[in-house]
Amino acid sequence: MNKVHHTAIICSDYEISKKFYTTILGLEIIREVYREKRQSYKLDLALNGYYIIELFSFPNPPKRPSRPESCGLRHLAFEVDDLEKIIIHCKKNNVIIEPIRVDEFTNKRFTFIADPDDLPIEFYEK
C-alpha cells in the first residue's frame, strides 16, 4: 500500500454538507456528478490539491450512531498548524467546537467538531 486514497462520506442533506465541507472547511471541489440512476450526487473534494473525500447523497440513508461511540470508523482527522485559528474560524461560522484536549502520548493539542450529520471531525495540531 502507498497511502490512504480517500474517505467516502454519505450525507443526509447534500446542499448543507456541500456548503459545510467547501465553505466552512475550505475543501476544493474537484468534480461534482449527479448520478441519475442512483438519484445521488458524488462530490470529489481535495485539500491542498490532494483528493481526500467523496461526498455522496442518497435518498433516505439510515442514520449511523456517533454517540455513544460504536464499532467502525470513529472520526475524520485533519492536521492543522494553529488550533486557535481553526477555533476562531469555526466559531465565526457557528460551528460548535469541543474544548481543547492534549494527547497524553504526544503532548499535541486537538479538538473536535461535528459535520451536519454529526460525523466527528478532529483537528490535531502538528
N, C-alpha and C. Protein backbone atom coordinates (compact mmCIF):
# COMPACT_ATOMS: atom_id res chain seq x y z
N MET A 1 0.85 -1.19 0.00
CA MET A 1 0.00 0.00 0.00
C MET A 1 0.89 1.24 0.00
N ASN A 2 0.33 2.33 -0.57
CA ASN A 2 1.08 3.58 -0.65
C ASN A 2 0.60 4.64 0.32
N LYS A 3 -0.72 4.84 0.37
CA LYS A 3 -1.30 5.89 1.21
C LYS A 3 -2.81 5.70 1.25
N VAL A 4 -3.49 6.42 2.12
CA VAL A 4 -4.95 6.43 2.10
C VAL A 4 -5.36 7.25 0.88
N HIS A 5 -6.22 6.71 0.05
CA HIS A 5 -6.62 7.39 -1.19
C HIS A 5 -7.71 8.42 -0.95
N HIS A 6 -8.77 8.02 -0.26
CA HIS A 6 -9.86 8.96 0.06
C HIS A 6 -10.75 8.35 1.13
N THR A 7 -11.62 9.18 1.65
CA THR A 7 -12.64 8.76 2.60
C THR A 7 -13.99 9.06 1.98
N ALA A 8 -14.93 8.13 2.04
CA ALA A 8 -16.27 8.33 1.49
C ALA A 8 -17.23 8.66 2.63
N ILE A 9 -18.03 9.69 2.41
CA ILE A 9 -19.00 10.14 3.41
C ILE A 9 -20.36 10.22 2.73
N ILE A 10 -21.37 9.63 3.36
CA ILE A 10 -22.75 9.74 2.87
C ILE A 10 -23.46 10.75 3.76
N CYS A 11 -24.06 11.74 3.13
CA CYS A 11 -24.73 12.80 3.90
C CYS A 11 -26.24 12.70 3.75
N SER A 12 -26.96 13.32 4.67
CA SER A 12 -28.42 13.30 4.61
C SER A 12 -28.98 14.49 3.83
N ASP A 13 -28.27 15.61 3.80
CA ASP A 13 -28.70 16.79 3.05
C ASP A 13 -27.51 17.29 2.25
N TYR A 14 -27.52 17.00 0.95
CA TYR A 14 -26.36 17.26 0.10
C TYR A 14 -25.94 18.72 0.11
N GLU A 15 -26.87 19.65 -0.07
CA GLU A 15 -26.51 21.07 -0.15
C GLU A 15 -25.90 21.59 1.15
N ILE A 16 -26.45 21.17 2.28
CA ILE A 16 -25.91 21.59 3.57
C ILE A 16 -24.50 21.03 3.77
N SER A 17 -24.31 19.76 3.46
CA SER A 17 -22.99 19.15 3.63
C SER A 17 -21.98 19.70 2.63
N LYS A 18 -22.41 19.93 1.40
CA LYS A 18 -21.52 20.53 0.40
C LYS A 18 -21.03 21.89 0.89
N LYS A 19 -21.93 22.71 1.41
CA LYS A 19 -21.55 24.02 1.93
C LYS A 19 -20.58 23.87 3.10
N PHE A 20 -20.87 22.95 4.01
CA PHE A 20 -20.01 22.74 5.18
C PHE A 20 -18.59 22.38 4.75
N TYR A 21 -18.45 21.37 3.88
CA TYR A 21 -17.13 20.89 3.51
C TYR A 21 -16.37 21.86 2.61
N THR A 22 -17.08 22.65 1.80
CA THR A 22 -16.39 23.58 0.90
C THR A 22 -16.25 24.98 1.50
N THR A 23 -17.33 25.54 2.01
CA THR A 23 -17.29 26.92 2.50
C THR A 23 -16.68 27.01 3.89
N ILE A 24 -17.08 26.13 4.79
CA ILE A 24 -16.59 26.21 6.17
C ILE A 24 -15.22 25.54 6.32
N LEU A 25 -15.08 24.29 5.85
CA LEU A 25 -13.78 23.62 5.97
C LEU A 25 -12.80 24.03 4.87
N GLY A 26 -13.31 24.58 3.78
CA GLY A 26 -12.43 25.09 2.73
C GLY A 26 -11.88 24.05 1.77
N LEU A 27 -12.51 22.88 1.70
CA LEU A 27 -12.05 21.88 0.74
C LEU A 27 -12.41 22.33 -0.68
N GLU A 28 -11.57 21.91 -1.63
CA GLU A 28 -11.74 22.32 -3.02
C GLU A 28 -12.55 21.26 -3.78
N ILE A 29 -13.45 21.71 -4.64
CA ILE A 29 -14.22 20.79 -5.47
C ILE A 29 -13.37 20.38 -6.67
N ILE A 30 -13.20 19.07 -6.82
CA ILE A 30 -12.51 18.52 -8.00
C ILE A 30 -13.53 18.25 -9.09
N ARG A 31 -14.64 17.58 -8.68
CA ARG A 31 -15.67 17.23 -9.65
C ARG A 31 -16.96 16.97 -8.90
N GLU A 32 -18.06 17.33 -9.55
CA GLU A 32 -19.40 17.09 -8.99
C GLU A 32 -20.23 16.40 -10.07
N VAL A 33 -20.82 15.27 -9.72
CA VAL A 33 -21.57 14.48 -10.68
C VAL A 33 -22.92 14.12 -10.08
N TYR A 34 -23.99 14.24 -10.87
CA TYR A 34 -25.28 13.72 -10.44
C TYR A 34 -25.50 12.40 -11.17
N ARG A 35 -25.73 11.33 -10.41
CA ARG A 35 -25.93 10.00 -10.99
C ARG A 35 -27.42 9.70 -10.99
N GLU A 36 -28.04 9.89 -12.13
CA GLU A 36 -29.49 9.79 -12.29
C GLU A 36 -30.04 8.45 -11.79
N LYS A 37 -29.41 7.34 -12.19
CA LYS A 37 -29.90 6.00 -11.81
C LYS A 37 -29.95 5.81 -10.30
N ARG A 38 -29.02 6.44 -9.58
CA ARG A 38 -28.96 6.29 -8.13
C ARG A 38 -29.63 7.44 -7.40
N GLN A 39 -30.07 8.45 -8.13
CA GLN A 39 -30.61 9.68 -7.53
C GLN A 39 -29.62 10.19 -6.48
N SER A 40 -28.38 10.28 -6.91
CA SER A 40 -27.29 10.54 -5.97
C SER A 40 -26.26 11.50 -6.56
N TYR A 41 -25.80 12.41 -5.71
CA TYR A 41 -24.65 13.24 -6.07
C TYR A 41 -23.39 12.57 -5.57
N LYS A 42 -22.30 12.81 -6.30
CA LYS A 42 -20.96 12.40 -5.88
C LYS A 42 -20.09 13.63 -6.05
N LEU A 43 -19.55 14.12 -4.94
CA LEU A 43 -18.72 15.31 -4.94
C LEU A 43 -17.31 14.91 -4.49
N ASP A 44 -16.33 15.10 -5.37
CA ASP A 44 -14.94 14.79 -5.04
C ASP A 44 -14.29 16.06 -4.52
N LEU A 45 -13.66 15.96 -3.35
CA LEU A 45 -13.09 17.11 -2.67
C LEU A 45 -11.60 16.92 -2.41
N ALA A 46 -10.86 18.03 -2.46
CA ALA A 46 -9.42 17.98 -2.25
C ALA A 46 -9.02 18.94 -1.14
N LEU A 47 -7.88 18.64 -0.54
CA LEU A 47 -7.24 19.51 0.44
C LEU A 47 -5.82 19.75 -0.06
N ASN A 48 -5.48 21.01 -0.27
CA ASN A 48 -4.16 21.38 -0.80
C ASN A 48 -3.82 20.61 -2.07
N GLY A 49 -4.82 20.42 -2.93
CA GLY A 49 -4.61 19.75 -4.20
C GLY A 49 -4.65 18.24 -4.15
N TYR A 50 -4.83 17.65 -2.97
CA TYR A 50 -4.88 16.19 -2.85
C TYR A 50 -6.31 15.73 -2.61
N TYR A 51 -6.75 14.82 -3.47
CA TYR A 51 -8.09 14.24 -3.38
C TYR A 51 -8.21 13.48 -2.06
N ILE A 52 -9.21 13.86 -1.23
CA ILE A 52 -9.31 13.20 0.07
C ILE A 52 -10.70 12.70 0.43
N ILE A 53 -11.76 13.33 -0.12
CA ILE A 53 -13.12 12.96 0.31
C ILE A 53 -14.04 12.81 -0.90
N GLU A 54 -14.85 11.74 -0.87
CA GLU A 54 -16.00 11.59 -1.75
C GLU A 54 -17.23 11.85 -0.89
N LEU A 55 -18.00 12.86 -1.24
CA LEU A 55 -19.24 13.17 -0.52
C LEU A 55 -20.40 12.67 -1.37
N PHE A 56 -21.19 11.76 -0.82
CA PHE A 56 -22.32 11.17 -1.53
C PHE A 56 -23.64 11.61 -0.91
N SER A 57 -24.64 11.70 -1.75
CA SER A 57 -26.02 11.83 -1.27
C SER A 57 -26.79 10.63 -1.81
N PHE A 58 -27.66 10.09 -1.00
CA PHE A 58 -28.57 9.02 -1.42
C PHE A 58 -29.93 9.33 -0.83
N PRO A 59 -30.99 8.92 -1.49
CA PRO A 59 -32.32 9.17 -0.91
C PRO A 59 -32.49 8.39 0.41
N ASN A 60 -32.82 9.09 1.47
CA ASN A 60 -33.14 8.50 2.78
C ASN A 60 -32.11 7.51 3.34
N PRO A 61 -30.85 7.91 3.47
CA PRO A 61 -29.89 6.98 4.07
C PRO A 61 -30.18 6.80 5.56
N PRO A 62 -29.97 5.60 6.09
CA PRO A 62 -30.20 5.40 7.53
C PRO A 62 -29.15 6.15 8.35
N LYS A 63 -29.54 6.55 9.54
CA LYS A 63 -28.61 7.24 10.45
C LYS A 63 -27.60 6.23 10.99
N ARG A 64 -26.37 6.71 11.23
CA ARG A 64 -25.33 5.91 11.85
C ARG A 64 -24.99 6.58 13.17
N PRO A 65 -24.96 5.84 14.27
CA PRO A 65 -24.68 6.49 15.55
C PRO A 65 -23.24 6.98 15.66
N SER A 66 -23.08 8.18 16.19
CA SER A 66 -21.75 8.71 16.50
C SER A 66 -21.51 8.65 18.00
N ARG A 67 -22.59 8.81 18.75
CA ARG A 67 -22.51 8.79 20.21
C ARG A 67 -23.67 7.96 20.72
N PRO A 68 -23.50 7.04 21.65
CA PRO A 68 -22.20 6.67 22.18
C PRO A 68 -21.34 6.05 21.09
N GLU A 69 -20.04 6.06 21.31
CA GLU A 69 -19.12 5.55 20.31
C GLU A 69 -19.47 4.10 20.00
N SER A 70 -19.42 3.78 18.70
CA SER A 70 -19.78 2.42 18.28
C SER A 70 -18.66 1.87 17.40
N CYS A 71 -18.74 0.58 17.09
CA CYS A 71 -17.72 -0.06 16.25
C CYS A 71 -17.68 0.57 14.88
N GLY A 72 -16.53 0.52 14.26
CA GLY A 72 -16.36 1.06 12.92
C GLY A 72 -15.47 2.28 12.93
N LEU A 73 -15.40 2.94 11.79
CA LEU A 73 -14.60 4.15 11.71
C LEU A 73 -15.10 5.17 12.71
N ARG A 74 -14.20 5.82 13.42
CA ARG A 74 -14.60 6.71 14.50
C ARG A 74 -14.71 8.16 14.07
N HIS A 75 -13.70 8.69 13.37
CA HIS A 75 -13.74 10.10 13.00
C HIS A 75 -12.80 10.39 11.84
N LEU A 76 -12.92 11.59 11.31
CA LEU A 76 -12.06 12.11 10.26
C LEU A 76 -11.16 13.14 10.93
N ALA A 77 -9.84 13.06 10.73
CA ALA A 77 -8.91 13.97 11.41
C ALA A 77 -8.10 14.77 10.40
N PHE A 78 -7.96 16.07 10.69
CA PHE A 78 -7.15 16.97 9.87
C PHE A 78 -6.00 17.50 10.71
N GLU A 79 -4.79 17.47 10.15
CA GLU A 79 -3.64 18.10 10.80
C GLU A 79 -3.72 19.60 10.55
N VAL A 80 -3.48 20.40 11.59
CA VAL A 80 -3.51 21.85 11.46
C VAL A 80 -2.26 22.44 12.08
N ASP A 81 -1.86 23.62 11.58
CA ASP A 81 -0.71 24.31 12.14
C ASP A 81 -1.06 25.07 13.41
N ASP A 82 -2.26 25.67 13.43
CA ASP A 82 -2.64 26.57 14.52
C ASP A 82 -4.07 26.29 14.95
N LEU A 83 -4.22 25.63 16.07
CA LEU A 83 -5.54 25.25 16.57
C LEU A 83 -6.41 26.47 16.87
N GLU A 84 -5.81 27.54 17.39
CA GLU A 84 -6.59 28.74 17.70
C GLU A 84 -7.25 29.33 16.45
N LYS A 85 -6.52 29.33 15.32
CA LYS A 85 -7.09 29.85 14.07
C LYS A 85 -8.31 29.04 13.65
N ILE A 86 -8.21 27.73 13.79
CA ILE A 86 -9.32 26.84 13.44
C ILE A 86 -10.51 27.11 14.36
N ILE A 87 -10.25 27.26 15.64
CA ILE A 87 -11.33 27.52 16.61
C ILE A 87 -12.04 28.83 16.28
N ILE A 88 -11.28 29.88 16.02
CA ILE A 88 -11.87 31.18 15.67
C ILE A 88 -12.71 31.05 14.40
N HIS A 89 -12.17 30.37 13.39
CA HIS A 89 -12.89 30.17 12.13
C HIS A 89 -14.19 29.40 12.36
N CYS A 90 -14.15 28.34 13.14
CA CYS A 90 -15.35 27.55 13.42
C CYS A 90 -16.40 28.38 14.15
N LYS A 91 -15.96 29.12 15.16
CA LYS A 91 -16.90 29.95 15.93
C LYS A 91 -17.54 31.02 15.04
N LYS A 92 -16.76 31.62 14.14
CA LYS A 92 -17.30 32.62 13.20
C LYS A 92 -18.39 32.02 12.32
N ASN A 93 -18.28 30.72 12.05
CA ASN A 93 -19.25 30.02 11.20
C ASN A 93 -20.28 29.24 12.00
N ASN A 94 -20.41 29.57 13.29
CA ASN A 94 -21.40 28.96 14.18
C ASN A 94 -21.29 27.44 14.27
N VAL A 95 -20.07 26.95 14.19
CA VAL A 95 -19.81 25.52 14.36
C VAL A 95 -19.41 25.30 15.81
N ILE A 96 -20.11 24.40 16.48
CA ILE A 96 -19.80 24.08 17.88
C ILE A 96 -18.50 23.32 17.93
N ILE A 97 -17.61 23.75 18.81
CA ILE A 97 -16.30 23.13 18.93
C ILE A 97 -16.08 22.69 20.37
N GLU A 98 -15.55 21.50 20.53
CA GLU A 98 -15.29 20.97 21.87
C GLU A 98 -14.07 21.66 22.48
N PRO A 99 -13.93 21.59 23.80
CA PRO A 99 -12.73 22.15 24.44
C PRO A 99 -11.47 21.45 23.93
N ILE A 100 -10.37 22.19 23.93
CA ILE A 100 -9.08 21.63 23.52
C ILE A 100 -8.66 20.56 24.53
N ARG A 101 -8.13 19.46 24.00
CA ARG A 101 -7.55 18.41 24.83
C ARG A 101 -6.08 18.24 24.44
N VAL A 102 -5.34 17.53 25.25
CA VAL A 102 -3.93 17.25 24.96
C VAL A 102 -3.75 15.75 24.91
N ASP A 103 -3.15 15.27 23.82
CA ASP A 103 -2.86 13.85 23.66
C ASP A 103 -1.83 13.45 24.71
N GLU A 104 -2.17 12.49 25.56
CA GLU A 104 -1.29 12.12 26.67
C GLU A 104 0.00 11.46 26.22
N PHE A 105 0.06 10.98 24.98
CA PHE A 105 1.27 10.31 24.49
C PHE A 105 2.17 11.25 23.70
N THR A 106 1.58 12.18 22.92
CA THR A 106 2.38 13.06 22.07
C THR A 106 2.48 14.48 22.61
N ASN A 107 1.63 14.81 23.59
CA ASN A 107 1.52 16.17 24.13
C ASN A 107 1.05 17.18 23.09
N LYS A 108 0.42 16.70 22.02
CA LYS A 108 -0.14 17.56 20.98
C LYS A 108 -1.57 17.92 21.34
N ARG A 109 -1.98 19.13 20.95
CA ARG A 109 -3.33 19.59 21.24
C ARG A 109 -4.28 19.21 20.11
N PHE A 110 -5.55 18.95 20.47
CA PHE A 110 -6.56 18.60 19.48
C PHE A 110 -7.94 18.99 19.99
N THR A 111 -8.88 19.04 19.06
CA THR A 111 -10.27 19.29 19.41
C THR A 111 -11.16 18.66 18.34
N PHE A 112 -12.46 18.64 18.62
CA PHE A 112 -13.42 18.03 17.71
C PHE A 112 -14.56 19.00 17.39
N ILE A 113 -15.10 18.85 16.18
CA ILE A 113 -16.37 19.44 15.78
C ILE A 113 -17.19 18.29 15.20
N ALA A 114 -18.39 18.59 14.72
CA ALA A 114 -19.21 17.58 14.04
C ALA A 114 -19.70 18.18 12.73
N ASP A 115 -19.78 17.34 11.71
CA ASP A 115 -20.33 17.80 10.43
C ASP A 115 -21.86 17.86 10.55
N PRO A 116 -22.57 18.26 9.50
CA PRO A 116 -24.04 18.37 9.60
C PRO A 116 -24.76 17.07 9.95
N ASP A 117 -24.12 15.92 9.73
CA ASP A 117 -24.72 14.64 10.10
C ASP A 117 -24.12 14.06 11.37
N ASP A 118 -23.44 14.91 12.15
CA ASP A 118 -22.86 14.53 13.43
C ASP A 118 -21.65 13.61 13.30
N LEU A 119 -21.00 13.57 12.13
CA LEU A 119 -19.76 12.83 11.96
C LEU A 119 -18.67 13.59 12.71
N PRO A 120 -17.97 12.95 13.65
CA PRO A 120 -16.92 13.65 14.39
C PRO A 120 -15.74 13.99 13.46
N ILE A 121 -15.28 15.24 13.57
CA ILE A 121 -14.11 15.71 12.82
C ILE A 121 -13.12 16.27 13.83
N GLU A 122 -11.90 15.76 13.75
CA GLU A 122 -10.85 16.17 14.68
C GLU A 122 -9.89 17.13 13.98
N PHE A 123 -9.43 18.13 14.72
CA PHE A 123 -8.33 18.99 14.28
C PHE A 123 -7.18 18.73 15.25
N TYR A 124 -6.05 18.27 14.70
CA TYR A 124 -4.91 17.84 15.50
C TYR A 124 -3.73 18.73 15.15
N GLU A 125 -3.22 19.46 16.15
CA GLU A 125 -2.13 20.42 15.91
C GLU A 125 -0.81 19.70 15.72
N LYS A 126 -0.07 20.09 14.68
CA LYS A 126 1.21 19.41 14.43
C LYS A 126 2.32 19.98 15.27
